[in-house]
Amino acid sequence: MTSSYSISETFTLTHAKHLASKVVSDLYQCHNFYGEPSEMQIAKYQDELIVMLAGGYVNEYEFGFKKNDQRIVSWQYRVNGSGDLVGGIDNRSGGLYARADTSGATVFNFMSYSQAWFSLSSSEQINVKSKHPVDRSAGDLPSDGLGYWHTDRTYSSAGVAIERKTFRPL
C-alpha cells in the first residue's frame, strides 16, 4: 500500500515579515559597520519591504555605498517566487563585509519591481504606496567599481527565496 500527499503553503504577511527581517538585520549591521543608513531610515525600509514583499512586488532590492556613481560595497537581494532556490535553505542574516573604505561615499537604496507590480493599475500602485512611508523615484543603480560579486546567503519562507549577493572591493 502506498500513499501520497502534497503540502501547499501560501505566502502570507507573516512570511513577508520573516524575509524582510533578514534584510533589515543586514541593514542594521551595515549601520553598525558604516554608520548608514540611519535607524529611522531602516525602520521605514522595513515597513516598505513588508508591504512590497507581501504583495509580490519586489524583483530586486539593493543597498550600499557608491562613489563617482560606482559601487564601493553593496548588498543585492533577488526575489524568486518559484521556489526553486528554497530546498530548506534559510540562512541567518548578517555576515556583511565590514572593511570597505566608504569615506567620501554616499549610501544608496534601490528597489526594482516585479511583473506583479507593473500589472497593477496606477490607482492600485498609489494605494500600495500609501501603505508604507518610503517615496521612491526613478533612477539607475551605480556601475561596479573595483571589486567583485559574491553570492553568500539565501533567505526563504513559504516557497519564496531571496538570494543575497555582495559586491566587495578588491
N, C-alpha and C. Protein backbone atom coordinates (compact mmCIF):
# COMPACT_ATOMS: atom_id res chain seq x y z
N MET A 1 0.84 -1.16 0.00
CA MET A 1 0.00 0.00 0.00
C MET A 1 0.90 1.24 0.00
N THR A 2 0.60 2.16 -0.87
CA THR A 2 1.35 3.41 -0.91
C THR A 2 0.39 4.57 -0.73
N SER A 3 0.92 5.63 -0.23
CA SER A 3 0.10 6.83 -0.09
C SER A 3 0.95 8.03 -0.52
N SER A 4 0.27 9.05 -0.91
CA SER A 4 0.99 10.25 -1.29
C SER A 4 0.28 11.45 -0.68
N TYR A 5 1.00 12.52 -0.58
CA TYR A 5 0.42 13.73 -0.04
C TYR A 5 1.14 14.92 -0.66
N SER A 6 0.54 16.05 -0.56
CA SER A 6 1.20 17.27 -1.03
C SER A 6 1.00 18.34 0.02
N ILE A 7 1.97 19.23 0.08
CA ILE A 7 1.91 20.34 1.00
C ILE A 7 1.88 21.61 0.18
N SER A 8 0.96 22.46 0.49
CA SER A 8 0.87 23.73 -0.21
C SER A 8 0.90 24.86 0.81
N GLU A 9 1.81 25.79 0.63
CA GLU A 9 1.89 26.94 1.52
C GLU A 9 1.51 28.18 0.74
N THR A 10 0.83 29.07 1.39
CA THR A 10 0.50 30.36 0.83
C THR A 10 1.42 31.38 1.46
N PHE A 11 1.97 32.26 0.62
CA PHE A 11 2.85 33.30 1.12
C PHE A 11 1.98 34.36 1.78
N THR A 12 2.21 34.59 3.07
CA THR A 12 1.38 35.50 3.85
C THR A 12 2.19 36.70 4.35
N LEU A 13 1.51 37.59 5.03
CA LEU A 13 2.17 38.74 5.65
C LEU A 13 3.22 38.28 6.65
N THR A 14 2.95 37.21 7.35
CA THR A 14 3.92 36.66 8.30
C THR A 14 5.20 36.24 7.59
N HIS A 15 5.06 35.59 6.43
CA HIS A 15 6.24 35.19 5.65
C HIS A 15 7.00 36.41 5.15
N ALA A 16 6.26 37.43 4.70
CA ALA A 16 6.89 38.67 4.23
C ALA A 16 7.68 39.32 5.37
N LYS A 17 7.12 39.32 6.57
CA LYS A 17 7.82 39.90 7.72
C LYS A 17 9.09 39.12 8.03
N HIS A 18 9.04 37.80 7.90
CA HIS A 18 10.22 36.96 8.14
C HIS A 18 11.34 37.33 7.17
N LEU A 19 11.01 37.40 5.87
CA LEU A 19 12.03 37.73 4.88
C LEU A 19 12.53 39.16 5.05
N ALA A 20 11.61 40.09 5.29
CA ALA A 20 12.01 41.49 5.49
C ALA A 20 12.94 41.61 6.70
N SER A 21 12.68 40.83 7.75
CA SER A 21 13.52 40.91 8.95
C SER A 21 14.97 40.53 8.65
N LYS A 22 15.18 39.62 7.71
CA LYS A 22 16.54 39.21 7.34
C LYS A 22 17.27 40.38 6.66
N VAL A 23 16.60 41.02 5.72
CA VAL A 23 17.20 42.16 5.01
C VAL A 23 17.41 43.32 5.99
N VAL A 24 16.44 43.55 6.85
CA VAL A 24 16.54 44.64 7.82
C VAL A 24 17.69 44.39 8.80
N SER A 25 17.88 43.15 9.20
CA SER A 25 19.03 42.83 10.06
C SER A 25 20.33 43.18 9.36
N ASP A 26 20.39 42.91 8.05
CA ASP A 26 21.57 43.28 7.28
C ASP A 26 21.73 44.81 7.24
N LEU A 27 20.62 45.52 7.09
CA LEU A 27 20.68 46.99 7.09
C LEU A 27 21.22 47.51 8.43
N TYR A 28 20.77 46.92 9.53
CA TYR A 28 21.28 47.32 10.85
C TYR A 28 22.77 47.01 10.99
N GLN A 29 23.19 45.86 10.47
CA GLN A 29 24.61 45.53 10.55
C GLN A 29 25.42 46.53 9.71
N CYS A 30 24.90 46.92 8.56
CA CYS A 30 25.55 47.93 7.73
C CYS A 30 25.65 49.25 8.53
N HIS A 31 24.57 49.62 9.21
CA HIS A 31 24.58 50.82 10.04
C HIS A 31 25.66 50.72 11.12
N ASN A 32 25.77 49.56 11.74
CA ASN A 32 26.78 49.38 12.80
C ASN A 32 28.20 49.48 12.25
N PHE A 33 28.43 48.95 11.05
CA PHE A 33 29.77 48.97 10.47
C PHE A 33 30.14 50.32 9.87
N TYR A 34 29.16 50.94 9.17
CA TYR A 34 29.46 52.10 8.34
C TYR A 34 28.71 53.39 8.74
N GLY A 35 27.80 53.31 9.71
CA GLY A 35 27.09 54.49 10.18
C GLY A 35 25.88 54.89 9.36
N GLU A 36 25.60 54.20 8.30
CA GLU A 36 24.45 54.47 7.42
C GLU A 36 23.85 53.15 7.00
N PRO A 37 22.59 53.10 6.65
CA PRO A 37 21.58 54.15 6.78
C PRO A 37 21.20 54.38 8.24
N SER A 38 20.50 55.46 8.49
CA SER A 38 20.10 55.77 9.86
C SER A 38 19.07 54.77 10.35
N GLU A 39 18.94 54.68 11.66
CA GLU A 39 17.94 53.77 12.23
C GLU A 39 16.53 54.16 11.81
N MET A 40 16.26 55.47 11.67
CA MET A 40 14.95 55.92 11.21
C MET A 40 14.69 55.49 9.77
N GLN A 41 15.71 55.58 8.92
CA GLN A 41 15.56 55.13 7.54
C GLN A 41 15.32 53.62 7.49
N ILE A 42 16.05 52.89 8.31
CA ILE A 42 15.90 51.43 8.33
C ILE A 42 14.47 51.04 8.71
N ALA A 43 13.90 51.70 9.70
CA ALA A 43 12.52 51.40 10.10
C ALA A 43 11.55 51.64 8.93
N LYS A 44 11.79 52.69 8.18
CA LYS A 44 10.94 52.97 7.01
C LYS A 44 11.13 51.91 5.93
N TYR A 45 12.38 51.52 5.69
CA TYR A 45 12.64 50.48 4.69
C TYR A 45 11.98 49.16 5.11
N GLN A 46 11.97 48.87 6.41
CA GLN A 46 11.32 47.66 6.88
C GLN A 46 9.83 47.68 6.56
N ASP A 47 9.16 48.79 6.87
CA ASP A 47 7.73 48.90 6.57
C ASP A 47 7.48 48.71 5.08
N GLU A 48 8.32 49.35 4.26
CA GLU A 48 8.17 49.22 2.81
C GLU A 48 8.36 47.78 2.35
N LEU A 49 9.42 47.15 2.81
CA LEU A 49 9.71 45.78 2.39
C LEU A 49 8.58 44.81 2.74
N ILE A 50 8.02 44.95 3.93
CA ILE A 50 6.93 44.06 4.32
C ILE A 50 5.76 44.20 3.36
N VAL A 51 5.35 45.42 3.10
CA VAL A 51 4.21 45.66 2.19
C VAL A 51 4.53 45.14 0.79
N MET A 52 5.71 45.47 0.29
CA MET A 52 6.04 45.12 -1.09
C MET A 52 6.29 43.62 -1.27
N LEU A 53 6.92 42.98 -0.28
CA LEU A 53 7.12 41.53 -0.37
C LEU A 53 5.79 40.78 -0.24
N ALA A 54 4.93 41.24 0.66
CA ALA A 54 3.64 40.58 0.85
C ALA A 54 2.81 40.60 -0.44
N GLY A 55 2.93 41.67 -1.20
CA GLY A 55 2.20 41.77 -2.46
C GLY A 55 2.89 41.11 -3.64
N GLY A 56 4.12 40.66 -3.44
CA GLY A 56 4.88 40.05 -4.53
C GLY A 56 5.39 41.08 -5.52
N TYR A 57 5.66 42.31 -5.04
CA TYR A 57 6.00 43.41 -5.94
C TYR A 57 7.50 43.68 -6.07
N VAL A 58 8.34 42.93 -5.38
CA VAL A 58 9.78 43.18 -5.41
C VAL A 58 10.47 42.18 -6.33
N ASN A 59 11.29 42.70 -7.22
CA ASN A 59 12.14 41.86 -8.05
C ASN A 59 13.55 41.82 -7.46
N GLU A 60 14.13 43.01 -7.27
CA GLU A 60 15.44 43.12 -6.64
C GLU A 60 15.46 44.29 -5.67
N TYR A 61 16.32 44.16 -4.67
CA TYR A 61 16.49 45.21 -3.67
C TYR A 61 17.98 45.31 -3.42
N GLU A 62 18.50 46.52 -3.40
CA GLU A 62 19.93 46.68 -3.19
C GLU A 62 20.21 47.93 -2.38
N PHE A 63 21.18 47.82 -1.48
CA PHE A 63 21.66 48.99 -0.75
C PHE A 63 23.17 48.88 -0.63
N GLY A 64 23.80 50.03 -0.45
CA GLY A 64 25.24 50.03 -0.31
C GLY A 64 25.79 51.43 -0.39
N PHE A 65 27.05 51.51 -0.77
CA PHE A 65 27.74 52.79 -0.85
C PHE A 65 28.33 52.95 -2.25
N LYS A 66 28.25 54.18 -2.75
CA LYS A 66 28.79 54.48 -4.07
C LYS A 66 29.63 55.75 -4.01
N LYS A 67 30.54 55.82 -4.95
CA LYS A 67 31.39 57.00 -5.09
C LYS A 67 31.63 57.18 -6.59
N ASN A 68 31.43 58.39 -7.08
CA ASN A 68 31.54 58.65 -8.52
C ASN A 68 30.66 57.71 -9.32
N ASP A 69 29.46 57.46 -8.81
CA ASP A 69 28.46 56.58 -9.43
C ASP A 69 28.97 55.15 -9.66
N GLN A 70 29.88 54.69 -8.80
CA GLN A 70 30.36 53.32 -8.84
C GLN A 70 30.22 52.70 -7.45
N ARG A 71 29.84 51.43 -7.43
CA ARG A 71 29.72 50.72 -6.16
C ARG A 71 31.08 50.64 -5.47
N ILE A 72 31.02 50.87 -4.15
CA ILE A 72 32.18 50.62 -3.28
C ILE A 72 31.96 49.29 -2.58
N VAL A 73 30.81 49.17 -1.93
CA VAL A 73 30.37 47.94 -1.29
C VAL A 73 28.85 47.94 -1.37
N SER A 74 28.25 46.78 -1.61
CA SER A 74 26.81 46.73 -1.86
C SER A 74 26.27 45.35 -1.58
N TRP A 75 24.96 45.31 -1.22
CA TRP A 75 24.27 44.05 -0.99
C TRP A 75 23.02 44.03 -1.84
N GLN A 76 22.89 43.02 -2.67
CA GLN A 76 21.77 42.92 -3.61
C GLN A 76 20.98 41.65 -3.28
N TYR A 77 19.66 41.81 -3.26
CA TYR A 77 18.74 40.73 -2.94
C TYR A 77 17.83 40.49 -4.13
N ARG A 78 17.80 39.27 -4.62
CA ARG A 78 16.95 38.92 -5.75
C ARG A 78 15.86 37.99 -5.25
N VAL A 79 14.61 38.38 -5.48
CA VAL A 79 13.47 37.61 -5.02
C VAL A 79 13.09 36.59 -6.07
N ASN A 80 12.87 35.35 -5.64
CA ASN A 80 12.49 34.28 -6.54
C ASN A 80 11.28 33.59 -5.94
N GLY A 81 10.13 33.75 -6.55
CA GLY A 81 8.90 33.16 -6.04
C GLY A 81 8.62 31.77 -6.55
N SER A 82 9.47 31.23 -7.41
CA SER A 82 9.19 29.91 -7.98
C SER A 82 9.52 28.78 -7.04
N GLY A 83 10.28 29.07 -6.00
CA GLY A 83 10.62 28.05 -5.02
C GLY A 83 11.81 27.20 -5.41
N ASP A 84 12.41 27.43 -6.58
CA ASP A 84 13.49 26.55 -6.99
C ASP A 84 14.79 26.80 -6.23
N LEU A 85 14.87 27.86 -5.47
CA LEU A 85 16.06 28.09 -4.66
C LEU A 85 15.88 27.61 -3.23
N VAL A 86 14.68 27.24 -2.86
CA VAL A 86 14.38 27.04 -1.45
C VAL A 86 15.10 25.82 -0.90
N GLY A 87 14.63 24.63 -1.16
CA GLY A 87 15.28 23.42 -0.69
C GLY A 87 15.64 23.44 0.79
N GLY A 88 14.87 24.15 1.60
CA GLY A 88 15.13 24.21 3.02
C GLY A 88 16.17 25.23 3.42
N ILE A 89 16.70 25.98 2.46
CA ILE A 89 17.74 26.96 2.79
C ILE A 89 17.10 28.22 3.34
N ASP A 90 17.49 28.58 4.55
CA ASP A 90 17.10 29.86 5.15
C ASP A 90 18.24 30.27 6.06
N ASN A 91 19.26 30.87 5.44
CA ASN A 91 20.45 31.27 6.19
C ASN A 91 20.14 32.34 7.22
N ARG A 92 21.04 32.45 8.18
CA ARG A 92 20.96 33.55 9.14
C ARG A 92 21.38 34.83 8.43
N SER A 93 20.82 35.95 8.87
CA SER A 93 21.24 37.23 8.32
C SER A 93 22.61 37.58 8.85
N GLY A 94 23.18 38.64 8.32
CA GLY A 94 24.47 39.11 8.80
C GLY A 94 25.61 38.66 7.92
N GLY A 95 26.79 38.71 8.49
CA GLY A 95 27.99 38.34 7.76
C GLY A 95 28.36 39.35 6.69
N LEU A 96 27.98 40.62 6.89
CA LEU A 96 28.29 41.65 5.91
C LEU A 96 29.78 41.98 5.91
N TYR A 97 30.28 42.35 4.75
CA TYR A 97 31.66 42.77 4.61
C TYR A 97 31.84 44.07 5.39
N ALA A 98 32.83 44.14 6.26
CA ALA A 98 32.94 45.26 7.20
C ALA A 98 34.17 46.14 7.00
N ARG A 99 34.96 45.90 5.96
CA ARG A 99 36.22 46.63 5.85
C ARG A 99 36.33 47.54 4.63
N ALA A 100 35.21 47.89 4.02
CA ALA A 100 35.26 48.77 2.84
C ALA A 100 35.57 50.20 3.28
N ASP A 101 36.32 50.91 2.48
CA ASP A 101 36.60 52.32 2.74
C ASP A 101 35.48 53.14 2.11
N THR A 102 34.56 53.61 2.93
CA THR A 102 33.40 54.37 2.44
C THR A 102 33.58 55.87 2.63
N SER A 103 34.79 56.32 2.95
CA SER A 103 35.00 57.75 3.13
C SER A 103 34.71 58.47 1.80
N GLY A 104 33.89 59.50 1.88
CA GLY A 104 33.52 60.26 0.69
C GLY A 104 32.44 59.60 -0.14
N ALA A 105 31.96 58.45 0.28
CA ALA A 105 30.92 57.73 -0.47
C ALA A 105 29.54 58.11 0.07
N THR A 106 28.52 57.87 -0.74
CA THR A 106 27.15 58.10 -0.31
C THR A 106 26.39 56.78 -0.30
N VAL A 107 25.45 56.70 0.61
CA VAL A 107 24.64 55.49 0.71
C VAL A 107 23.55 55.54 -0.36
N PHE A 108 23.18 54.37 -0.88
CA PHE A 108 22.05 54.29 -1.81
C PHE A 108 21.17 53.11 -1.44
N ASN A 109 19.92 53.19 -1.86
CA ASN A 109 18.94 52.14 -1.61
C ASN A 109 18.03 52.09 -2.82
N PHE A 110 17.94 50.94 -3.46
CA PHE A 110 17.26 50.81 -4.74
C PHE A 110 16.35 49.59 -4.72
N MET A 111 15.16 49.73 -5.27
CA MET A 111 14.23 48.61 -5.41
C MET A 111 13.77 48.54 -6.86
N SER A 112 13.84 47.36 -7.45
CA SER A 112 13.23 47.16 -8.76
C SER A 112 11.99 46.29 -8.56
N TYR A 113 11.00 46.53 -9.38
CA TYR A 113 9.69 45.93 -9.18
C TYR A 113 9.46 44.70 -10.05
N SER A 114 8.61 43.82 -9.56
CA SER A 114 8.26 42.59 -10.27
C SER A 114 7.16 42.86 -11.29
N GLN A 115 6.89 41.86 -12.08
CA GLN A 115 5.81 41.96 -13.06
C GLN A 115 4.47 42.17 -12.37
N ALA A 116 4.31 41.62 -11.18
CA ALA A 116 3.05 41.80 -10.43
C ALA A 116 2.80 43.29 -10.16
N TRP A 117 3.85 44.05 -9.91
CA TRP A 117 3.72 45.49 -9.67
C TRP A 117 3.24 46.20 -10.94
N PHE A 118 3.85 45.86 -12.04
CA PHE A 118 3.50 46.51 -13.30
C PHE A 118 2.14 46.08 -13.83
N SER A 119 1.61 44.98 -13.28
CA SER A 119 0.26 44.55 -13.64
C SER A 119 -0.82 45.33 -12.90
N LEU A 120 -0.44 46.05 -11.86
CA LEU A 120 -1.40 46.86 -11.11
C LEU A 120 -1.75 48.13 -11.90
N SER A 121 -2.95 48.60 -11.70
CA SER A 121 -3.33 49.89 -12.28
C SER A 121 -2.62 51.00 -11.51
N SER A 122 -2.61 52.19 -12.08
CA SER A 122 -1.97 53.34 -11.41
C SER A 122 -2.59 53.58 -10.04
N SER A 123 -3.91 53.48 -9.95
CA SER A 123 -4.56 53.72 -8.66
C SER A 123 -4.23 52.62 -7.66
N GLU A 124 -4.08 51.39 -8.13
CA GLU A 124 -3.68 50.30 -7.23
C GLU A 124 -2.24 50.51 -6.73
N GLN A 125 -1.35 50.96 -7.61
CA GLN A 125 0.02 51.25 -7.20
C GLN A 125 0.05 52.37 -6.15
N ILE A 126 -0.75 53.40 -6.36
CA ILE A 126 -0.83 54.51 -5.40
C ILE A 126 -1.34 54.00 -4.06
N ASN A 127 -2.33 53.11 -4.09
CA ASN A 127 -2.88 52.54 -2.86
C ASN A 127 -1.81 51.74 -2.10
N VAL A 128 -1.02 50.93 -2.81
CA VAL A 128 0.03 50.15 -2.17
C VAL A 128 1.08 51.10 -1.58
N LYS A 129 1.48 52.10 -2.33
CA LYS A 129 2.50 53.05 -1.85
C LYS A 129 2.02 53.80 -0.61
N SER A 130 0.72 54.00 -0.49
CA SER A 130 0.19 54.71 0.69
C SER A 130 0.29 53.89 1.97
N LYS A 131 0.62 52.61 1.84
CA LYS A 131 0.69 51.72 3.00
C LYS A 131 2.08 51.66 3.62
N HIS A 132 3.04 52.40 3.05
CA HIS A 132 4.38 52.45 3.63
C HIS A 132 4.96 53.85 3.46
N PRO A 133 6.00 54.20 4.26
CA PRO A 133 6.49 55.58 4.30
C PRO A 133 7.59 55.93 3.30
N VAL A 134 8.01 55.01 2.44
CA VAL A 134 9.12 55.30 1.53
C VAL A 134 8.57 55.81 0.20
N ASP A 135 9.11 56.95 -0.24
CA ASP A 135 8.72 57.54 -1.51
C ASP A 135 9.90 57.43 -2.47
N ARG A 136 9.84 56.48 -3.36
CA ARG A 136 10.95 56.24 -4.29
C ARG A 136 10.73 57.01 -5.58
N SER A 137 11.84 57.35 -6.22
CA SER A 137 11.79 57.97 -7.54
C SER A 137 12.58 57.09 -8.50
N ALA A 138 12.37 57.29 -9.78
CA ALA A 138 13.08 56.50 -10.79
C ALA A 138 14.56 56.83 -10.73
N GLY A 139 15.38 55.86 -11.01
CA GLY A 139 16.82 56.08 -11.00
C GLY A 139 17.54 54.85 -11.53
N ASP A 140 18.83 54.95 -11.57
CA ASP A 140 19.67 53.86 -12.05
C ASP A 140 20.64 53.44 -10.95
N LEU A 141 20.95 52.18 -10.93
CA LEU A 141 21.95 51.68 -10.00
C LEU A 141 23.33 52.15 -10.43
N PRO A 142 24.25 52.29 -9.48
CA PRO A 142 25.62 52.61 -9.86
C PRO A 142 26.25 51.43 -10.60
N SER A 143 27.30 51.70 -11.34
CA SER A 143 28.02 50.62 -12.00
C SER A 143 28.99 49.99 -10.99
N ASP A 144 29.56 48.88 -11.36
CA ASP A 144 30.51 48.21 -10.48
C ASP A 144 31.81 48.99 -10.44
N GLY A 145 32.33 49.19 -9.25
CA GLY A 145 33.64 49.80 -9.08
C GLY A 145 34.70 48.72 -9.12
N LEU A 146 35.79 48.94 -8.43
CA LEU A 146 36.87 47.96 -8.37
C LEU A 146 36.53 46.92 -7.32
N GLY A 147 35.98 45.82 -7.77
CA GLY A 147 35.57 44.78 -6.85
C GLY A 147 34.95 43.61 -7.59
N TYR A 148 34.24 42.79 -6.86
CA TYR A 148 33.63 41.59 -7.44
C TYR A 148 32.37 41.22 -6.68
N TRP A 149 31.49 40.47 -7.33
CA TRP A 149 30.25 39.98 -6.72
C TRP A 149 30.49 38.59 -6.14
N HIS A 150 29.83 38.34 -5.02
CA HIS A 150 29.91 37.03 -4.36
C HIS A 150 28.53 36.69 -3.80
N THR A 151 27.96 35.55 -4.21
CA THR A 151 26.68 35.10 -3.66
C THR A 151 26.97 34.42 -2.33
N ASP A 152 26.32 34.95 -1.25
CA ASP A 152 26.71 34.46 0.07
C ASP A 152 25.58 34.01 0.98
N ARG A 153 24.33 34.33 0.68
CA ARG A 153 23.24 33.91 1.56
C ARG A 153 21.96 33.68 0.74
N THR A 154 21.09 32.86 1.29
CA THR A 154 19.74 32.70 0.77
C THR A 154 18.78 32.72 1.96
N TYR A 155 17.76 33.54 1.85
CA TYR A 155 16.71 33.61 2.86
C TYR A 155 15.44 33.09 2.20
N SER A 156 14.65 32.28 2.92
CA SER A 156 13.45 31.75 2.29
C SER A 156 12.31 31.58 3.29
N SER A 157 11.11 31.61 2.74
CA SER A 157 9.90 31.38 3.52
C SER A 157 8.75 31.08 2.57
N ALA A 158 8.07 29.99 2.80
CA ALA A 158 6.85 29.62 2.07
C ALA A 158 7.03 29.64 0.56
N GLY A 159 8.13 29.08 0.06
CA GLY A 159 8.33 28.99 -1.38
C GLY A 159 8.88 30.24 -2.03
N VAL A 160 9.17 31.26 -1.25
CA VAL A 160 9.78 32.47 -1.79
C VAL A 160 11.20 32.55 -1.22
N ALA A 161 12.16 32.70 -2.10
CA ALA A 161 13.55 32.78 -1.69
C ALA A 161 14.14 34.11 -2.11
N ILE A 162 15.02 34.62 -1.28
CA ILE A 162 15.77 35.83 -1.59
C ILE A 162 17.25 35.46 -1.55
N GLU A 163 17.90 35.61 -2.68
CA GLU A 163 19.32 35.32 -2.77
C GLU A 163 20.10 36.63 -2.58
N ARG A 164 21.07 36.61 -1.68
CA ARG A 164 21.87 37.81 -1.44
C ARG A 164 23.24 37.67 -2.10
N LYS A 165 23.59 38.72 -2.85
CA LYS A 165 24.92 38.84 -3.43
C LYS A 165 25.58 40.06 -2.84
N THR A 166 26.88 39.97 -2.60
CA THR A 166 27.63 41.08 -2.05
C THR A 166 28.64 41.55 -3.07
N PHE A 167 28.69 42.87 -3.28
CA PHE A 167 29.76 43.47 -4.07
C PHE A 167 30.82 43.91 -3.10
N ARG A 168 32.01 43.34 -3.22
CA ARG A 168 33.11 43.63 -2.30
C ARG A 168 34.26 44.29 -3.06
N PRO A 169 34.93 45.22 -2.41
CA PRO A 169 36.10 45.82 -3.06
C PRO A 169 37.24 44.81 -3.14
N LEU A 170 38.13 45.06 -4.09
CA LEU A 170 39.31 44.17 -4.23
C LEU A 170 40.22 44.30 -3.03
